[in-house]
N, C-alpha and C. Protein backbone atom coordinates (compact mmCIF):
# COMPACT_ATOMS: atom_id res chain seq x y z
N MET A 1 1.07 -1.00 0.25
CA MET A 1 0.18 -0.13 0.01
C MET A 1 1.31 0.80 -0.06
N ASN A 2 0.65 2.41 -1.01
CA ASN A 2 1.26 3.47 -0.57
C ASN A 2 0.06 4.63 -0.47
N GLU A 3 0.20 5.32 0.48
CA GLU A 3 -0.71 6.56 0.75
C GLU A 3 0.15 7.88 0.37
N SER A 4 1.44 7.63 1.17
CA SER A 4 2.20 9.07 1.38
C SER A 4 3.62 8.99 0.06
N GLY A 5 3.72 8.18 -0.37
CA GLY A 5 5.02 8.39 -1.31
C GLY A 5 5.56 7.21 -1.02
N ALA A 6 5.40 6.24 0.32
CA ALA A 6 6.35 5.34 0.63
C ALA A 6 5.43 3.94 0.65
N TRP A 7 6.15 2.62 0.29
CA TRP A 7 5.47 1.49 -0.04
C TRP A 7 5.42 1.31 1.51
N ARG A 8 4.13 0.42 1.55
CA ARG A 8 4.28 -0.41 2.96
C ARG A 8 3.43 -1.80 2.77
N ARG A 9 4.39 -2.67 3.51
CA ARG A 9 3.50 -3.90 3.63
C ARG A 9 2.76 -3.90 4.41
N VAL A 10 1.53 -4.47 4.09
CA VAL A 10 0.28 -4.62 4.73
C VAL A 10 0.02 -6.00 5.17
N VAL A 11 0.14 -7.01 4.46
CA VAL A 11 0.11 -8.46 4.66
C VAL A 11 1.24 -9.24 3.73
N GLU A 12 1.64 -10.67 4.45
CA GLU A 12 2.20 -11.73 3.23
C GLU A 12 1.21 -12.62 3.28
N PHE A 13 0.90 -13.14 1.95
CA PHE A 13 0.13 -14.41 1.81
C PHE A 13 0.68 -15.25 0.77
N ASP A 14 0.10 -16.50 0.71
CA ASP A 14 0.42 -17.43 -0.08
C ASP A 14 -0.24 -16.90 -1.31
N ALA A 15 0.43 -17.48 -2.73
CA ALA A 15 -0.32 -16.87 -4.01
C ALA A 15 -1.48 -17.70 -4.07
N SER A 16 -2.03 -18.98 -3.27
CA SER A 16 -3.35 -19.56 -3.79
C SER A 16 -4.27 -19.18 -2.78
N GLN A 17 -3.75 -17.85 -2.18
CA GLN A 17 -4.81 -17.32 -1.26
C GLN A 17 -5.41 -15.86 -2.11
N ARG A 18 -4.86 -15.86 -3.01
CA ARG A 18 -4.92 -14.20 -3.52
C ARG A 18 -6.28 -13.76 -3.94
N GLU A 19 -6.82 -14.60 -4.29
CA GLU A 19 -8.21 -14.30 -4.62
C GLU A 19 -9.25 -14.00 -3.32
N ALA A 20 -8.87 -14.53 -2.21
CA ALA A 20 -9.36 -14.55 -0.71
C ALA A 20 -9.25 -13.30 -0.31
N VAL A 21 -7.89 -12.93 -0.50
CA VAL A 21 -7.45 -11.48 0.19
C VAL A 21 -7.81 -10.25 -1.14
N LEU A 22 -7.61 -10.55 -2.11
CA LEU A 22 -8.41 -9.16 -2.48
C LEU A 22 -9.88 -9.08 -2.43
N ALA A 23 -10.45 -10.01 -1.99
CA ALA A 23 -12.20 -10.22 -1.55
C ALA A 23 -12.28 -9.42 -0.43
N ALA A 24 -11.34 -9.77 0.66
CA ALA A 24 -11.43 -8.99 1.79
C ALA A 24 -10.69 -7.53 2.36
N LEU A 25 -10.12 -7.08 0.60
CA LEU A 25 -9.70 -5.49 1.07
C LEU A 25 -10.33 -5.06 1.10
N PRO A 26 -12.01 -4.28 0.64
CA PRO A 26 -12.68 -3.46 0.30
C PRO A 26 -12.78 -2.74 1.97
N PRO A 27 -13.25 -3.64 3.05
CA PRO A 27 -13.26 -2.81 4.37
C PRO A 27 -12.17 -2.30 4.99
N LEU A 28 -10.84 -2.50 4.25
CA LEU A 28 -9.83 -2.23 4.60
C LEU A 28 -9.13 -0.95 4.08
N ALA A 29 -9.69 -0.86 2.79
CA ALA A 29 -9.25 0.21 1.53
C ALA A 29 -10.17 1.20 2.35
N ARG A 30 -11.78 0.91 2.46
CA ARG A 30 -12.72 1.82 2.97
C ARG A 30 -12.04 2.73 4.41
N ALA A 31 -11.72 2.24 5.29
CA ALA A 31 -11.46 2.23 6.23
C ALA A 31 -9.83 3.50 6.30
N LEU A 32 -8.91 2.99 5.59
CA LEU A 32 -7.96 4.10 4.98
C LEU A 32 -8.49 5.32 4.03
N GLY A 33 -9.19 5.10 3.39
CA GLY A 33 -9.67 6.25 2.37
C GLY A 33 -9.34 5.83 1.29
N GLY A 34 -9.65 7.03 0.11
CA GLY A 34 -10.00 6.49 -1.19
C GLY A 34 -8.34 6.51 -2.08
N GLY A 35 -7.57 7.20 -1.13
CA GLY A 35 -6.32 7.98 -1.75
C GLY A 35 -5.05 6.92 -1.71
N ALA A 36 -5.23 5.45 -0.90
CA ALA A 36 -3.91 4.82 -1.39
C ALA A 36 -4.18 3.95 -2.55
N ARG A 37 -2.68 3.56 -2.66
CA ARG A 37 -2.55 3.10 -3.62
C ARG A 37 -2.25 1.59 -3.37
N TRP A 38 -2.63 0.55 -4.26
CA TRP A 38 -2.59 -0.89 -4.19
C TRP A 38 -1.46 -1.47 -4.59
N CYS A 39 -0.73 -2.44 -4.54
CA CYS A 39 -0.15 -3.63 -5.53
C CYS A 39 0.32 -4.88 -4.65
N VAL A 40 0.65 -6.03 -5.46
CA VAL A 40 0.92 -7.00 -5.04
C VAL A 40 2.40 -7.19 -5.56
N LEU A 41 3.13 -7.39 -4.45
CA LEU A 41 4.59 -7.41 -4.71
C LEU A 41 4.82 -9.31 -4.71
N HIS A 42 4.98 -9.79 -5.66
CA HIS A 42 5.29 -11.13 -6.12
C HIS A 42 6.54 -11.30 -5.54
N ALA A 43 6.91 -12.91 -5.48
CA ALA A 43 8.27 -13.78 -4.77
C ALA A 43 9.41 -13.27 -5.78
N ASP A 44 8.89 -12.98 -7.29
CA ASP A 44 9.93 -12.65 -7.85
C ASP A 44 10.47 -11.11 -8.00
N GLY A 45 9.60 -10.60 -7.02
CA GLY A 45 9.96 -9.17 -7.15
C GLY A 45 9.10 -8.42 -8.05
N THR A 46 8.13 -8.66 -9.03
CA THR A 46 7.34 -8.16 -9.66
C THR A 46 6.07 -7.71 -9.16
N ARG A 47 6.01 -6.39 -9.30
CA ARG A 47 4.50 -5.77 -8.70
C ARG A 47 3.55 -6.24 -9.73
N GLU A 48 2.35 -6.16 -9.25
CA GLU A 48 0.68 -6.15 -9.85
C GLU A 48 -0.22 -5.02 -9.38
N TRP A 49 -0.04 -3.86 -10.01
CA TRP A 49 -0.84 -2.92 -9.68
C TRP A 49 -2.07 -3.11 -9.56
N LEU A 50 -2.43 -2.81 -8.51
CA LEU A 50 -4.09 -3.03 -8.29
C LEU A 50 -5.04 -1.69 -8.30
N GLY A 51 -4.32 -0.20 -8.35
CA GLY A 51 -5.03 0.84 -8.36
C GLY A 51 -5.24 1.73 -7.11
N THR A 52 -6.20 2.61 -7.33
CA THR A 52 -6.56 3.57 -6.29
C THR A 52 -8.12 3.24 -6.19
N LEU A 53 -8.40 3.15 -4.67
CA LEU A 53 -9.70 2.92 -4.40
C LEU A 53 -10.47 4.29 -4.17
N SER A 54 -11.81 3.94 -4.44
CA SER A 54 -12.75 5.16 -3.93
C SER A 54 -13.68 4.57 -3.09
N GLU A 55 -14.33 5.51 -1.82
CA GLU A 55 -15.59 4.69 -1.17
C GLU A 55 -16.50 3.99 -2.03
N ALA A 56 -16.84 4.82 -3.32
CA ALA A 56 -17.47 4.26 -4.53
C ALA A 56 -17.36 2.82 -4.48
N THR A 57 -16.22 2.13 -4.45
CA THR A 57 -16.02 1.16 -5.22
C THR A 57 -16.40 -0.28 -4.22
N ALA A 58 -17.63 -0.67 -4.69
CA ALA A 58 -18.05 -1.48 -4.49
C ALA A 58 -17.71 -2.66 -3.91
N ASP A 59 -16.44 -3.54 -5.32
CA ASP A 59 -15.99 -4.73 -5.15
C ASP A 59 -14.42 -4.59 -5.55
N PHE A 60 -13.62 -4.43 -4.84
CA PHE A 60 -12.56 -4.19 -5.08
C PHE A 60 -11.74 -5.62 -6.03
N ALA A 61 -11.99 -6.46 -5.63
CA ALA A 61 -11.66 -7.63 -6.58
C ALA A 61 -12.06 -7.29 -7.93
N ARG A 62 -13.24 -7.04 -8.11
CA ARG A 62 -13.77 -6.55 -9.51
C ARG A 62 -13.20 -5.89 -10.19
N GLU A 63 -12.83 -4.48 -9.32
CA GLU A 63 -12.07 -3.45 -10.07
C GLU A 63 -10.95 -4.09 -10.66
N ALA A 64 -9.88 -4.72 -9.55
CA ALA A 64 -8.43 -5.24 -9.71
C ALA A 64 -8.68 -6.16 -11.30
N ALA A 65 -9.76 -6.63 -11.42
CA ALA A 65 -10.07 -8.04 -12.71
C ALA A 65 -10.11 -6.91 -14.09
N THR A 66 -11.03 -5.46 -13.62
CA THR A 66 -11.01 -4.66 -15.04
C THR A 66 -10.01 -3.95 -15.35
N THR A 67 -8.92 -3.90 -14.41
CA THR A 67 -7.48 -3.14 -14.74
C THR A 67 -6.44 -4.29 -15.05
N GLY A 68 -6.49 -5.07 -15.67
CA GLY A 68 -6.00 -6.80 -16.00
C GLY A 68 -4.98 -7.35 -14.78
N VAL A 69 -5.53 -7.06 -13.48
CA VAL A 69 -4.80 -7.91 -12.53
C VAL A 69 -5.34 -9.11 -12.45
């Protein structure tokens, strides 16, 4: 997560749990506000960009899917 120009690790999870983790993000994203940017950092060092969320986003996993994640 990045909300002030610095990336922070929020949680580490097994790749097999990706969909469950993405589905669980909306309450956290709403609590933190819509300005935070999100990504998944893979074991090989590549980032999977999830973008910025707003309170109007009802389904984070659906937004991630529509942005090619």
